[in-house]
């Protein structure tokens, strides 16, 4: 067999270690947690008292927290995902992948599905915001957190196979985590959301990204 060219080597996904079997049994955990938190919100349960106390201790509206929360804006997070999706699709196509378009397309579809889930939940729970935001319902779960988690998390999942070194993969994971946590903290610190609004979005997006991860595992390498 002739040696592979440098271009072929560069455009081939890096081998990455995989567990022998995906932990499918973990996928229901965030769904159950989301259901429990939503139940507490709907019935005005005791968990909300703790939530309000934590919020009062953390809220301090300032310009820094507002900028942190802005990283979860659709105008910021979605273009990042789009750029990564185009890059990954191009690399996969150049490498001659049979289904080169599937990872990028799946990540974008998942991003489009976020408001289809979050908006009905906001309307159903009708939770009011913190004292520092205009009065009115529709704050649970946090849409900014969900946007950030799916955009940055989805970018990470489709990009990881193309990162050739463990250091690069660790840096990508750390970057995505820092971005999501920055948005989450900024939203609570600024008072845009209660802490439980953010935690609920974490649970929702953990389930969504878990489904994307399982799909990507089934694709030919």
N, C-alpha and C. Protein backbone atom coordinates (compact mmCIF):
# COMPACT_ATOMS: atom_id res chain seq x y z
N UNK A 1 0.86 -1.20 0.00
CA UNK A 1 0.00 0.00 0.00
C UNK A 1 0.88 1.24 0.00
N UNK A 2 0.66 2.18 -0.88
CA UNK A 2 1.51 3.38 -0.93
C UNK A 2 1.30 4.24 0.30
N UNK A 3 2.36 4.94 0.71
CA UNK A 3 2.22 5.82 1.88
C UNK A 3 1.24 6.93 1.61
N UNK A 4 0.56 7.37 2.63
CA UNK A 4 -0.43 8.43 2.50
C UNK A 4 0.28 9.76 2.40
N UNK A 5 -0.29 10.64 1.63
CA UNK A 5 0.30 11.97 1.47
C UNK A 5 0.07 12.80 2.72
N UNK A 6 0.83 13.90 2.81
CA UNK A 6 0.67 14.79 3.97
C UNK A 6 -0.73 15.36 4.02
N UNK A 7 -1.31 15.68 2.84
CA UNK A 7 -2.65 16.26 2.82
C UNK A 7 -3.67 15.26 3.32
N UNK A 8 -3.55 13.98 2.92
CA UNK A 8 -4.48 12.96 3.39
C UNK A 8 -4.37 12.78 4.89
N UNK A 9 -3.14 12.77 5.39
CA UNK A 9 -2.94 12.60 6.82
C UNK A 9 -3.54 13.76 7.59
N UNK A 10 -3.36 14.97 7.06
CA UNK A 10 -3.88 16.15 7.73
C UNK A 10 -5.40 16.15 7.77
N UNK A 11 -6.04 15.62 6.75
CA UNK A 11 -7.49 15.69 6.65
C UNK A 11 -8.18 14.43 7.15
N UNK A 12 -7.46 13.60 7.89
CA UNK A 12 -8.05 12.42 8.47
C UNK A 12 -8.30 12.67 9.95
N UNK A 13 -9.48 12.29 10.46
CA UNK A 13 -9.73 12.51 11.88
C UNK A 13 -8.68 11.84 12.75
N UNK A 14 -8.27 12.51 13.79
CA UNK A 14 -7.29 11.95 14.70
C UNK A 14 -7.91 10.80 15.47
N UNK A 15 -7.17 9.71 15.68
CA UNK A 15 -7.73 8.61 16.48
C UNK A 15 -7.91 9.06 17.91
N UNK A 16 -9.04 8.72 18.46
CA UNK A 16 -9.32 9.09 19.84
C UNK A 16 -9.84 7.87 20.58
N UNK A 17 -9.40 7.74 21.82
CA UNK A 17 -9.86 6.62 22.61
C UNK A 17 -11.34 6.71 22.89
N UNK A 18 -12.01 5.58 22.88
CA UNK A 18 -13.44 5.54 23.14
C UNK A 18 -13.74 4.48 24.19
N UNK A 19 -14.70 4.71 25.03
CA UNK A 19 -15.13 3.64 25.91
C UNK A 19 -15.76 2.52 25.10
N UNK A 20 -15.67 1.32 25.62
CA UNK A 20 -16.16 0.17 24.87
C UNK A 20 -17.65 0.28 24.59
N UNK A 21 -18.39 0.89 25.48
CA UNK A 21 -19.83 1.01 25.30
C UNK A 21 -20.28 2.36 25.80
N UNK A 22 -21.07 3.10 25.04
CA UNK A 22 -21.50 4.42 25.49
C UNK A 22 -22.37 4.32 26.73
N UNK A 23 -22.18 5.23 27.70
CA UNK A 23 -22.96 5.18 28.94
C UNK A 23 -24.40 5.65 28.72
N UNK A 24 -25.16 4.87 27.96
CA UNK A 24 -26.53 5.27 27.64
C UNK A 24 -27.36 5.42 28.91
N UNK A 25 -27.03 4.63 29.93
CA UNK A 25 -27.83 4.66 31.16
C UNK A 25 -27.75 6.01 31.86
N UNK A 26 -26.75 6.83 31.52
CA UNK A 26 -26.63 8.15 32.15
C UNK A 26 -27.52 9.20 31.51
N UNK A 27 -27.99 8.95 30.29
CA UNK A 27 -28.77 9.96 29.58
C UNK A 27 -30.06 10.35 30.31
N UNK A 28 -30.77 9.42 30.96
CA UNK A 28 -31.99 9.84 31.66
C UNK A 28 -31.73 10.71 32.89
N UNK A 29 -30.51 10.73 33.42
CA UNK A 29 -30.24 11.46 34.66
C UNK A 29 -30.56 12.96 34.52
N UNK A 30 -30.02 13.66 33.52
CA UNK A 30 -30.38 15.09 33.41
C UNK A 30 -31.85 15.31 33.12
N UNK A 31 -32.49 14.37 32.44
CA UNK A 31 -33.93 14.51 32.16
C UNK A 31 -34.72 14.43 33.46
N UNK A 32 -34.34 13.49 34.32
CA UNK A 32 -35.00 13.35 35.62
C UNK A 32 -34.78 14.60 36.47
N UNK A 33 -33.55 15.10 36.48
CA UNK A 33 -33.26 16.31 37.26
C UNK A 33 -34.06 17.50 36.73
N UNK A 34 -34.14 17.61 35.40
CA UNK A 34 -34.94 18.69 34.81
C UNK A 34 -36.40 18.57 35.23
N UNK A 35 -36.92 17.37 35.21
CA UNK A 35 -38.32 17.16 35.60
C UNK A 35 -38.54 17.55 37.07
N UNK A 36 -37.60 17.19 37.94
CA UNK A 36 -37.74 17.51 39.36
C UNK A 36 -37.68 19.03 39.60
N UNK A 37 -36.76 19.70 38.93
CA UNK A 37 -36.65 21.15 39.09
C UNK A 37 -37.89 21.84 38.55
N UNK A 38 -38.35 21.38 37.39
CA UNK A 38 -39.55 21.98 36.79
C UNK A 38 -40.76 21.78 37.70
N UNK A 39 -40.87 20.61 38.30
CA UNK A 39 -41.96 20.35 39.24
C UNK A 39 -41.92 21.32 40.41
N UNK A 40 -40.73 21.57 40.95
CA UNK A 40 -40.60 22.53 42.05
C UNK A 40 -40.99 23.94 41.62
N UNK A 41 -40.65 24.30 40.40
CA UNK A 41 -41.01 25.63 39.89
C UNK A 41 -42.52 25.75 39.74
N UNK A 42 -43.14 24.72 39.19
CA UNK A 42 -44.58 24.77 38.93
C UNK A 42 -45.38 24.82 40.23
N UNK A 43 -44.96 24.05 41.25
CA UNK A 43 -45.73 23.98 42.50
C UNK A 43 -45.22 24.98 43.53
N UNK A 44 -44.24 25.82 43.13
CA UNK A 44 -43.66 26.78 44.07
C UNK A 44 -43.13 26.06 45.30
N UNK A 45 -42.33 25.03 45.06
CA UNK A 45 -41.83 24.17 46.13
C UNK A 45 -40.73 24.80 46.96
N UNK A 46 -40.30 24.10 48.01
CA UNK A 46 -39.29 24.65 48.93
C UNK A 46 -37.93 24.88 48.26
N UNK A 47 -37.65 24.18 47.17
CA UNK A 47 -36.38 24.40 46.48
C UNK A 47 -36.26 25.83 45.97
N UNK A 48 -37.39 26.46 45.69
CA UNK A 48 -37.35 27.84 45.21
C UNK A 48 -36.92 28.81 46.30
N UNK A 49 -37.20 28.48 47.58
CA UNK A 49 -36.74 29.36 48.65
C UNK A 49 -35.22 29.38 48.71
N UNK A 50 -34.61 28.20 48.57
CA UNK A 50 -33.15 28.12 48.54
C UNK A 50 -32.61 28.85 47.32
N UNK A 51 -33.29 28.68 46.19
CA UNK A 51 -32.89 29.35 44.96
C UNK A 51 -32.87 30.86 45.13
N UNK A 52 -33.88 31.39 45.78
CA UNK A 52 -33.97 32.84 45.98
C UNK A 52 -32.88 33.34 46.92
N UNK A 53 -32.57 32.55 47.95
CA UNK A 53 -31.51 32.95 48.87
C UNK A 53 -30.15 33.00 48.17
N UNK A 54 -29.88 31.99 47.34
CA UNK A 54 -28.62 31.97 46.60
C UNK A 54 -28.55 33.17 45.65
N UNK A 55 -29.67 33.46 45.01
CA UNK A 55 -29.69 34.59 44.09
C UNK A 55 -29.40 35.90 44.80
N UNK A 56 -30.01 36.11 45.96
CA UNK A 56 -29.77 37.35 46.70
C UNK A 56 -28.31 37.49 47.09
N UNK A 57 -27.65 36.36 47.37
CA UNK A 57 -26.24 36.41 47.76
C UNK A 57 -25.32 36.70 46.58
N UNK A 58 -25.76 36.34 45.37
CA UNK A 58 -24.88 36.45 44.21
C UNK A 58 -25.15 37.68 43.34
N UNK A 59 -26.37 38.17 43.34
CA UNK A 59 -26.73 39.25 42.42
C UNK A 59 -25.94 40.52 42.71
N UNK A 60 -25.30 41.02 41.67
CA UNK A 60 -24.59 42.31 41.75
C UNK A 60 -24.48 42.83 40.32
N UNK A 61 -25.53 43.49 39.84
CA UNK A 61 -25.52 43.93 38.44
C UNK A 61 -24.37 44.89 38.15
N UNK A 62 -23.58 44.55 37.16
CA UNK A 62 -22.51 45.43 36.72
C UNK A 62 -22.22 45.14 35.25
N UNK A 63 -21.33 45.93 34.68
CA UNK A 63 -21.03 45.80 33.26
C UNK A 63 -20.33 44.48 32.95
N UNK A 64 -19.48 44.01 33.86
CA UNK A 64 -18.75 42.77 33.61
C UNK A 64 -19.70 41.58 33.52
N UNK A 65 -20.63 41.48 34.46
CA UNK A 65 -21.57 40.36 34.42
C UNK A 65 -22.47 40.43 33.20
N UNK A 66 -22.79 41.64 32.76
CA UNK A 66 -23.59 41.78 31.56
C UNK A 66 -22.84 41.30 30.33
N UNK A 67 -21.56 41.63 30.24
CA UNK A 67 -20.74 41.17 29.12
C UNK A 67 -20.58 39.65 29.16
N UNK A 68 -20.45 39.09 30.35
CA UNK A 68 -20.35 37.64 30.47
C UNK A 68 -21.61 36.96 29.95
N UNK A 69 -22.75 37.50 30.33
CA UNK A 69 -24.01 36.90 29.88
C UNK A 69 -24.21 37.06 28.38
N UNK A 70 -23.63 38.11 27.80
CA UNK A 70 -23.78 38.35 26.36
C UNK A 70 -23.16 37.24 25.51
N UNK A 71 -22.25 36.46 26.08
CA UNK A 71 -21.66 35.34 25.34
C UNK A 71 -22.69 34.27 25.02
N UNK A 72 -23.86 34.35 25.66
CA UNK A 72 -24.93 33.42 25.37
C UNK A 72 -25.96 33.96 24.40
N UNK A 73 -25.74 35.16 23.88
CA UNK A 73 -26.66 35.71 22.88
C UNK A 73 -26.62 34.87 21.60
N UNK A 74 -27.75 34.79 20.94
CA UNK A 74 -27.81 34.08 19.66
C UNK A 74 -26.82 34.69 18.67
N UNK A 75 -26.70 36.02 18.69
CA UNK A 75 -25.83 36.71 17.73
C UNK A 75 -24.36 36.43 17.97
N UNK A 76 -24.01 35.91 19.15
CA UNK A 76 -22.62 35.58 19.46
C UNK A 76 -22.36 34.09 19.35
N UNK A 77 -23.19 33.28 20.02
CA UNK A 77 -22.92 31.85 20.12
C UNK A 77 -23.20 31.10 18.82
N UNK A 78 -24.30 31.42 18.16
CA UNK A 78 -24.66 30.67 16.95
C UNK A 78 -23.65 30.86 15.82
N UNK A 79 -23.13 32.08 15.56
CA UNK A 79 -22.09 32.19 14.54
C UNK A 79 -20.85 31.37 14.84
N UNK A 80 -20.51 31.21 16.13
CA UNK A 80 -19.37 30.35 16.48
C UNK A 80 -19.64 28.92 16.03
N UNK A 81 -20.84 28.43 16.33
CA UNK A 81 -21.20 27.07 15.91
C UNK A 81 -21.19 26.96 14.39
N UNK A 82 -21.70 27.96 13.71
CA UNK A 82 -21.74 27.91 12.25
C UNK A 82 -20.33 27.85 11.65
N UNK A 83 -19.41 28.63 12.20
CA UNK A 83 -18.04 28.61 11.71
C UNK A 83 -17.39 27.25 11.93
N UNK A 84 -17.57 26.69 13.12
CA UNK A 84 -17.01 25.36 13.41
C UNK A 84 -17.65 24.31 12.52
N UNK A 85 -18.97 24.42 12.30
CA UNK A 85 -19.67 23.45 11.46
C UNK A 85 -19.15 23.49 10.03
N UNK A 86 -18.93 24.68 9.49
CA UNK A 86 -18.39 24.81 8.13
C UNK A 86 -16.98 24.23 8.06
N UNK A 87 -16.17 24.53 9.06
CA UNK A 87 -14.80 24.02 9.09
C UNK A 87 -14.78 22.49 9.13
N UNK A 88 -15.58 21.92 10.02
CA UNK A 88 -15.61 20.45 10.16
C UNK A 88 -16.14 19.80 8.88
N UNK A 89 -17.19 20.38 8.29
CA UNK A 89 -17.73 19.82 7.06
C UNK A 89 -16.69 19.86 5.94
N UNK A 90 -15.96 20.94 5.85
CA UNK A 90 -14.93 21.05 4.81
C UNK A 90 -13.83 20.02 5.04
N UNK A 91 -13.39 19.86 6.29
CA UNK A 91 -12.35 18.87 6.57
C UNK A 91 -12.83 17.47 6.23
N UNK A 92 -14.08 17.16 6.61
CA UNK A 92 -14.61 15.82 6.35
C UNK A 92 -14.79 15.57 4.85
N UNK A 93 -15.23 16.59 4.13
CA UNK A 93 -15.39 16.44 2.69
C UNK A 93 -14.05 16.25 2.00
N UNK A 94 -13.04 17.02 2.43
CA UNK A 94 -11.71 16.90 1.86
C UNK A 94 -11.12 15.52 2.12
N UNK A 95 -11.45 14.97 3.31
CA UNK A 95 -10.95 13.64 3.65
C UNK A 95 -11.71 12.53 2.94
N UNK A 96 -12.75 12.88 2.18
CA UNK A 96 -13.50 11.87 1.45
C UNK A 96 -14.49 11.11 2.30
N UNK A 97 -14.96 11.73 3.37
CA UNK A 97 -15.92 11.06 4.24
C UNK A 97 -17.23 10.78 3.52
N UNK A 98 -17.78 9.58 3.75
CA UNK A 98 -19.01 9.20 3.08
C UNK A 98 -20.18 10.06 3.52
N UNK A 99 -20.23 10.39 4.80
CA UNK A 99 -21.30 11.24 5.32
C UNK A 99 -20.68 12.49 5.94
N UNK A 100 -19.92 13.20 5.15
CA UNK A 100 -19.14 14.32 5.63
C UNK A 100 -20.00 15.44 6.20
N UNK A 101 -21.25 15.53 5.77
CA UNK A 101 -22.11 16.64 6.15
C UNK A 101 -22.91 16.37 7.42
N UNK A 102 -22.97 15.11 7.86
CA UNK A 102 -23.89 14.75 8.94
C UNK A 102 -23.54 15.42 10.28
N UNK A 103 -22.30 15.37 10.77
CA UNK A 103 -22.02 16.00 12.07
C UNK A 103 -22.39 17.48 12.12
N UNK A 104 -21.96 18.24 11.12
CA UNK A 104 -22.25 19.67 11.11
C UNK A 104 -23.75 19.93 11.00
N UNK A 105 -24.42 19.17 10.14
CA UNK A 105 -25.86 19.34 9.97
C UNK A 105 -26.60 19.00 11.26
N UNK A 106 -26.19 17.91 11.92
CA UNK A 106 -26.85 17.50 13.16
C UNK A 106 -26.68 18.56 14.24
N UNK A 107 -25.48 19.13 14.34
CA UNK A 107 -25.25 20.16 15.35
C UNK A 107 -26.12 21.40 15.10
N UNK A 108 -26.27 21.78 13.83
CA UNK A 108 -27.10 22.93 13.51
C UNK A 108 -28.59 22.65 13.76
N UNK A 109 -29.03 21.44 13.45
CA UNK A 109 -30.42 21.07 13.72
C UNK A 109 -30.69 21.10 15.23
N UNK A 110 -29.73 20.61 16.00
CA UNK A 110 -29.88 20.64 17.46
C UNK A 110 -29.99 22.08 17.96
N UNK A 111 -29.20 22.96 17.38
CA UNK A 111 -29.26 24.37 17.77
C UNK A 111 -30.64 24.95 17.43
N UNK A 112 -31.16 24.60 16.27
CA UNK A 112 -32.48 25.10 15.87
C UNK A 112 -33.58 24.55 16.76
N UNK A 113 -33.35 23.38 17.37
CA UNK A 113 -34.38 22.76 18.20
C UNK A 113 -34.46 23.39 19.59
N UNK A 114 -33.44 24.12 19.99
CA UNK A 114 -33.42 24.68 21.35
C UNK A 114 -34.64 25.57 21.63
N UNK A 115 -34.95 26.56 20.80
CA UNK A 115 -36.14 27.37 21.11
C UNK A 115 -37.44 26.58 21.05
N UNK A 116 -37.48 25.50 20.26
CA UNK A 116 -38.69 24.69 20.19
C UNK A 116 -38.97 23.98 21.51
N UNK A 117 -37.93 23.81 22.32
CA UNK A 117 -38.09 23.19 23.63
C UNK A 117 -38.20 24.25 24.73
N UNK A 118 -37.35 25.25 24.65
CA UNK A 118 -37.27 26.24 25.73
C UNK A 118 -38.50 27.14 25.77
N UNK A 119 -38.96 27.61 24.62
CA UNK A 119 -40.08 28.55 24.60
C UNK A 119 -41.36 27.94 25.19
N UNK A 120 -41.75 26.72 24.82
CA UNK A 120 -42.93 26.14 25.48
C UNK A 120 -42.76 25.96 26.98
N UNK A 121 -41.54 25.60 27.43
CA UNK A 121 -41.31 25.47 28.87
C UNK A 121 -41.46 26.81 29.58
N UNK A 122 -40.97 27.87 28.95
CA UNK A 122 -41.14 29.20 29.53
C UNK A 122 -42.62 29.57 29.66
N UNK A 123 -43.38 29.27 28.61
CA UNK A 123 -44.80 29.62 28.62
C UNK A 123 -45.56 28.80 29.66
N UNK A 124 -45.19 27.53 29.79
CA UNK A 124 -45.92 26.65 30.71
C UNK A 124 -45.61 26.97 32.16
N UNK A 125 -44.32 27.13 32.50
CA UNK A 125 -43.95 27.38 33.89
C UNK A 125 -44.26 28.81 34.32
N UNK A 126 -44.13 29.77 33.40
CA UNK A 126 -44.46 31.17 33.67
C UNK A 126 -43.80 31.69 34.95
N UNK A 127 -42.55 31.36 35.12
CA UNK A 127 -41.84 31.82 36.31
C UNK A 127 -41.42 33.28 36.14
N UNK A 128 -41.60 34.04 37.23
CA UNK A 128 -41.22 35.43 37.20
C UNK A 128 -39.72 35.57 37.47
N UNK A 129 -39.17 36.69 37.03
CA UNK A 129 -37.74 36.91 37.16
C UNK A 129 -37.35 37.46 38.51
N UNK A 130 -36.08 37.76 38.64
CA UNK A 130 -35.54 38.31 39.89
C UNK A 130 -36.00 39.75 40.05
N UNK A 131 -35.82 40.33 41.24
CA UNK A 131 -36.27 41.71 41.45
C UNK A 131 -35.56 42.75 40.58
N UNK A 132 -34.43 42.41 39.96
CA UNK A 132 -33.68 43.42 39.21
C UNK A 132 -34.05 43.44 37.73
N UNK A 133 -34.98 42.58 37.31
CA UNK A 133 -35.41 42.57 35.91
C UNK A 133 -36.87 43.04 35.85
N UNK A 134 -37.33 43.47 34.69
CA UNK A 134 -38.72 43.90 34.57
C UNK A 134 -39.68 42.79 34.97
N UNK A 135 -40.75 43.11 35.69
CA UNK A 135 -41.69 42.08 36.13
C UNK A 135 -42.37 41.40 34.95
N UNK A 136 -42.59 40.13 35.10
CA UNK A 136 -43.23 39.37 34.04
C UNK A 136 -42.76 37.93 34.04
N UNK A 137 -43.55 37.02 33.46
CA UNK A 137 -43.18 35.60 33.44
C UNK A 137 -42.26 35.28 32.26
N UNK A 138 -41.79 34.03 32.24
CA UNK A 138 -41.04 33.55 31.09
C UNK A 138 -39.54 33.47 31.29
N UNK A 139 -39.10 33.24 32.53
CA UNK A 139 -37.66 33.22 32.80
C UNK A 139 -37.11 31.80 32.99
N UNK A 140 -37.96 30.82 33.03
CA UNK A 140 -37.50 29.43 33.25
C UNK A 140 -37.86 28.56 32.05
N UNK A 141 -36.86 27.82 31.53
CA UNK A 141 -35.43 27.83 31.84
C UNK A 141 -34.72 28.96 31.11
N UNK A 142 -33.43 29.08 31.35
CA UNK A 142 -32.65 30.16 30.75
C UNK A 142 -32.35 29.87 29.29
N UNK A 143 -32.86 30.72 28.40
CA UNK A 143 -32.59 30.54 26.99
C UNK A 143 -31.15 30.85 26.63
N UNK A 144 -30.55 31.86 27.28
CA UNK A 144 -29.15 32.19 27.01
C UNK A 144 -28.23 31.03 27.39
N UNK A 145 -28.51 30.40 28.53
CA UNK A 145 -27.69 29.26 28.94
C UNK A 145 -27.84 28.12 27.95
N UNK A 146 -29.06 27.84 27.52
CA UNK A 146 -29.27 26.76 26.57
C UNK A 146 -28.58 27.05 25.24
N UNK A 147 -28.67 28.29 24.79
CA UNK A 147 -28.01 28.67 23.54
C UNK A 147 -26.50 28.47 23.65
N UNK A 148 -25.92 28.94 24.75
CA UNK A 148 -24.47 28.79 24.93
C UNK A 148 -24.07 27.33 25.03
N UNK A 149 -24.82 26.54 25.80
CA UNK A 149 -24.44 25.15 26.01
C UNK A 149 -24.49 24.34 24.72
N UNK A 150 -25.54 24.53 23.94
CA UNK A 150 -25.67 23.77 22.69
C UNK A 150 -24.70 24.29 21.63
N UNK A 151 -24.53 25.59 21.55
CA UNK A 151 -23.63 26.15 20.53
C UNK A 151 -22.18 25.76 20.81
N UNK A 152 -21.72 26.01 22.04
CA UNK A 152 -20.32 25.72 22.35
C UNK A 152 -20.11 24.22 22.57
N UNK A 153 -21.08 23.55 23.19
CA UNK A 153 -20.95 22.11 23.38
C UNK A 153 -21.05 21.36 22.07
N UNK A 154 -21.97 21.77 21.20
CA UNK A 154 -22.08 21.13 19.89
C UNK A 154 -20.83 21.35 19.05
N UNK A 155 -20.28 22.56 19.11
CA UNK A 155 -19.02 22.83 18.41
C UNK A 155 -17.92 21.91 18.89
N UNK A 156 -17.87 21.71 20.19
CA UNK A 156 -16.84 20.83 20.76
C UNK A 156 -16.99 19.40 20.26
N UNK A 157 -18.20 18.88 20.28
CA UNK A 157 -18.42 17.48 19.90
C UNK A 157 -18.04 17.19 18.46
N UNK A 158 -18.36 18.10 17.55
CA UNK A 158 -18.05 17.83 16.15
C UNK A 158 -16.60 18.16 15.82
N UNK A 159 -15.96 19.00 16.64
CA UNK A 159 -14.58 19.38 16.37
C UNK A 159 -13.57 18.38 16.94
N UNK A 160 -13.89 17.73 18.04
CA UNK A 160 -12.94 16.87 18.74
C UNK A 160 -12.25 15.83 17.84
N UNK A 161 -12.98 15.13 16.95
CA UNK A 161 -12.29 14.12 16.14
C UNK A 161 -11.21 14.69 15.23
N UNK A 162 -11.22 15.98 14.99
CA UNK A 162 -10.25 16.59 14.08
C UNK A 162 -9.07 17.23 14.80
N UNK A 163 -9.09 17.18 16.11
CA UNK A 163 -7.96 17.70 16.89
C UNK A 163 -6.96 16.58 17.11
N UNK A 164 -5.72 16.79 16.75
CA UNK A 164 -4.78 15.70 16.59
C UNK A 164 -4.01 15.37 17.85
N UNK A 165 -4.03 16.20 18.86
CA UNK A 165 -3.25 15.93 20.06
C UNK A 165 -4.14 15.97 21.29
N UNK A 166 -3.77 15.21 22.33
CA UNK A 166 -4.54 15.29 23.58
C UNK A 166 -4.57 16.70 24.17
N UNK A 167 -3.47 17.43 24.02
CA UNK A 167 -3.45 18.79 24.56
C UNK A 167 -4.48 19.68 23.86
N UNK A 168 -4.59 19.53 22.54
CA UNK A 168 -5.57 20.32 21.80
C UNK A 168 -6.99 19.95 22.20
N UNK A 169 -7.24 18.67 22.40
CA UNK A 169 -8.58 18.24 22.81
C UNK A 169 -8.91 18.75 24.21
N UNK A 170 -7.94 18.68 25.11
CA UNK A 170 -8.18 19.20 26.47
C UNK A 170 -8.45 20.70 26.43
N UNK A 171 -7.71 21.41 25.60
CA UNK A 171 -7.91 22.87 25.49
C UNK A 171 -9.30 23.18 24.95
N UNK A 172 -9.76 22.38 23.97
CA UNK A 172 -11.10 22.60 23.41
C UNK A 172 -12.17 22.35 24.45
N UNK A 173 -12.03 21.27 25.22
CA UNK A 173 -13.01 20.96 26.27
C UNK A 173 -13.03 22.08 27.31
N UNK A 174 -11.84 22.52 27.72
CA UNK A 174 -11.76 23.58 28.73
C UNK A 174 -12.38 24.88 28.22
N UNK A 175 -12.12 25.20 26.96
CA UNK A 175 -12.67 26.43 26.39
C UNK A 175 -14.19 26.41 26.37
N UNK A 176 -14.76 25.29 25.90
CA UNK A 176 -16.22 25.19 25.86
C UNK A 176 -16.82 25.28 27.25
N UNK A 177 -16.19 24.59 28.22
CA UNK A 177 -16.71 24.61 29.58
C UNK A 177 -16.64 26.02 30.18
N UNK A 178 -15.52 26.70 29.95
CA UNK A 178 -15.36 28.05 30.49
C UNK A 178 -16.40 29.00 29.88
N UNK A 179 -16.65 28.88 28.59
CA UNK A 179 -17.62 29.75 27.94
C UNK A 179 -19.02 29.55 28.54
N UNK A 180 -19.43 28.29 28.70
CA UNK A 180 -20.76 28.01 29.24
C UNK A 180 -20.86 28.47 30.68
N UNK A 181 -19.84 28.21 31.48
CA UNK A 181 -19.87 28.63 32.87
C UNK A 181 -19.82 30.15 33.00
N UNK A 182 -19.10 30.80 32.11
CA UNK A 182 -19.06 32.26 32.13
C UNK A 182 -20.43 32.86 31.87
N UNK A 183 -21.11 32.34 30.86
CA UNK A 183 -22.47 32.80 30.56
C UNK A 183 -23.38 32.55 31.75
N UNK A 184 -23.31 31.35 32.31
CA UNK A 184 -24.19 30.97 33.42
C UNK A 184 -23.98 31.88 34.62
N UNK A 185 -22.72 32.09 34.99
CA UNK A 185 -22.45 32.95 36.14
C UNK A 185 -22.87 34.40 35.85
N UNK A 186 -22.59 34.87 34.64
CA UNK A 186 -22.97 36.23 34.30
C UNK A 186 -24.47 36.46 34.39
N UNK A 187 -25.26 35.48 33.97
CA UNK A 187 -26.71 35.61 34.02
C UNK A 187 -27.22 35.71 35.45
N UNK A 188 -26.64 34.89 36.33
CA UNK A 188 -27.06 34.91 37.74
C UNK A 188 -26.53 36.17 38.42
N UNK A 189 -25.29 36.51 38.16
CA UNK A 189 -24.68 37.69 38.79
C UNK A 189 -25.39 38.97 38.38
N UNK A 190 -25.74 39.06 37.12
CA UNK A 190 -26.44 40.25 36.63
C UNK A 190 -27.90 40.29 37.09
N UNK A 191 -28.43 39.13 37.48
CA UNK A 191 -29.82 39.07 37.92
C UNK A 191 -30.80 38.77 36.81
N UNK A 192 -30.28 38.39 35.64
CA UNK A 192 -31.17 38.07 34.53
C UNK A 192 -31.94 36.78 34.79
N UNK A 193 -31.38 35.89 35.59
CA UNK A 193 -32.02 34.60 35.86
C UNK A 193 -31.75 34.16 37.28
N UNK A 194 -32.69 33.38 37.82
CA UNK A 194 -32.47 32.66 39.05
C UNK A 194 -31.47 31.53 38.78
N UNK A 195 -30.73 31.09 39.81
CA UNK A 195 -29.80 29.97 39.60
C UNK A 195 -30.47 28.71 39.05
N UNK A 196 -31.68 28.40 39.50
CA UNK A 196 -32.36 27.20 39.02
C UNK A 196 -32.72 27.30 37.54
N UNK A 197 -32.95 28.50 37.04
CA UNK A 197 -33.19 28.66 35.60
C UNK A 197 -31.98 28.17 34.81
N UNK A 198 -30.81 28.49 35.32
CA UNK A 198 -29.57 28.10 34.65
C UNK A 198 -29.32 26.61 34.80
N UNK A 199 -29.51 26.08 36.00
CA UNK A 199 -29.29 24.64 36.23
C UNK A 199 -30.23 23.81 35.37
N UNK A 200 -31.47 24.25 35.25
CA UNK A 200 -32.42 23.52 34.41
C UNK A 200 -31.96 23.47 32.96
N UNK A 201 -31.41 24.57 32.47
CA UNK A 201 -30.89 24.57 31.10
C UNK A 201 -29.69 23.65 30.96
N UNK A 202 -28.86 23.58 32.00
CA UNK A 202 -27.76 22.60 31.96
C UNK A 202 -28.29 21.19 31.76
N UNK A 203 -29.31 20.86 32.55
CA UNK A 203 -29.88 19.51 32.46
C UNK A 203 -30.47 19.26 31.08
N UNK A 204 -31.21 20.22 30.57
CA UNK A 204 -31.82 20.07 29.24
C UNK A 204 -30.75 19.86 28.18
N UNK A 205 -29.71 20.68 28.23
CA UNK A 205 -28.69 20.61 27.19
C UNK A 205 -27.78 19.40 27.35
N UNK A 206 -27.62 18.91 28.56
CA UNK A 206 -26.87 17.66 28.75
C UNK A 206 -27.56 16.53 28.02
N UNK A 207 -28.89 16.48 28.10
CA UNK A 207 -29.63 15.45 27.38
C UNK A 207 -29.53 15.65 25.87
N UNK A 208 -29.66 16.88 25.40
CA UNK A 208 -29.59 17.15 23.96
C UNK A 208 -28.20 16.82 23.40
N UNK A 209 -27.17 17.26 24.11
CA UNK A 209 -25.81 16.99 23.64
C UNK A 209 -25.46 15.51 23.77
N UNK A 210 -26.04 14.84 24.76
CA UNK A 210 -25.84 13.40 24.86
C UNK A 210 -26.41 12.66 23.66
N UNK A 211 -27.56 13.12 23.19
CA UNK A 211 -28.15 12.50 22.00
C UNK A 211 -27.27 12.76 20.77
N UNK A 212 -26.73 13.98 20.67
CA UNK A 212 -25.83 14.29 19.55
C UNK A 212 -24.58 13.42 19.63
N UNK A 213 -24.05 13.23 20.80
CA UNK A 213 -22.84 12.41 20.98
C UNK A 213 -23.09 10.97 20.54
N UNK A 214 -24.24 10.43 20.91
CA UNK A 214 -24.57 9.06 20.50
C UNK A 214 -24.69 8.96 18.99
N UNK A 215 -25.29 9.98 18.37
CA UNK A 215 -25.40 9.98 16.91
C UNK A 215 -24.03 10.00 16.26
N UNK A 216 -23.13 10.86 16.76
CA UNK A 216 -21.81 10.97 16.17
C UNK A 216 -21.02 9.68 16.32
N UNK A 217 -21.24 8.95 17.40
CA UNK A 217 -20.53 7.68 17.59
C UNK A 217 -20.92 6.63 16.56
N UNK A 218 -22.12 6.73 16.03
CA UNK A 218 -22.59 5.74 15.08
C UNK A 218 -22.08 5.99 13.65
N UNK A 219 -21.50 7.14 13.44
CA UNK A 219 -21.02 7.46 12.10
C UNK A 219 -19.72 6.73 11.81
N UNK A 220 -19.46 6.36 10.56
CA UNK A 220 -18.17 5.75 10.22
C UNK A 220 -17.05 6.74 10.41
N UNK A 221 -15.92 6.27 10.91
CA UNK A 221 -14.78 7.14 11.18
C UNK A 221 -14.06 7.46 9.88
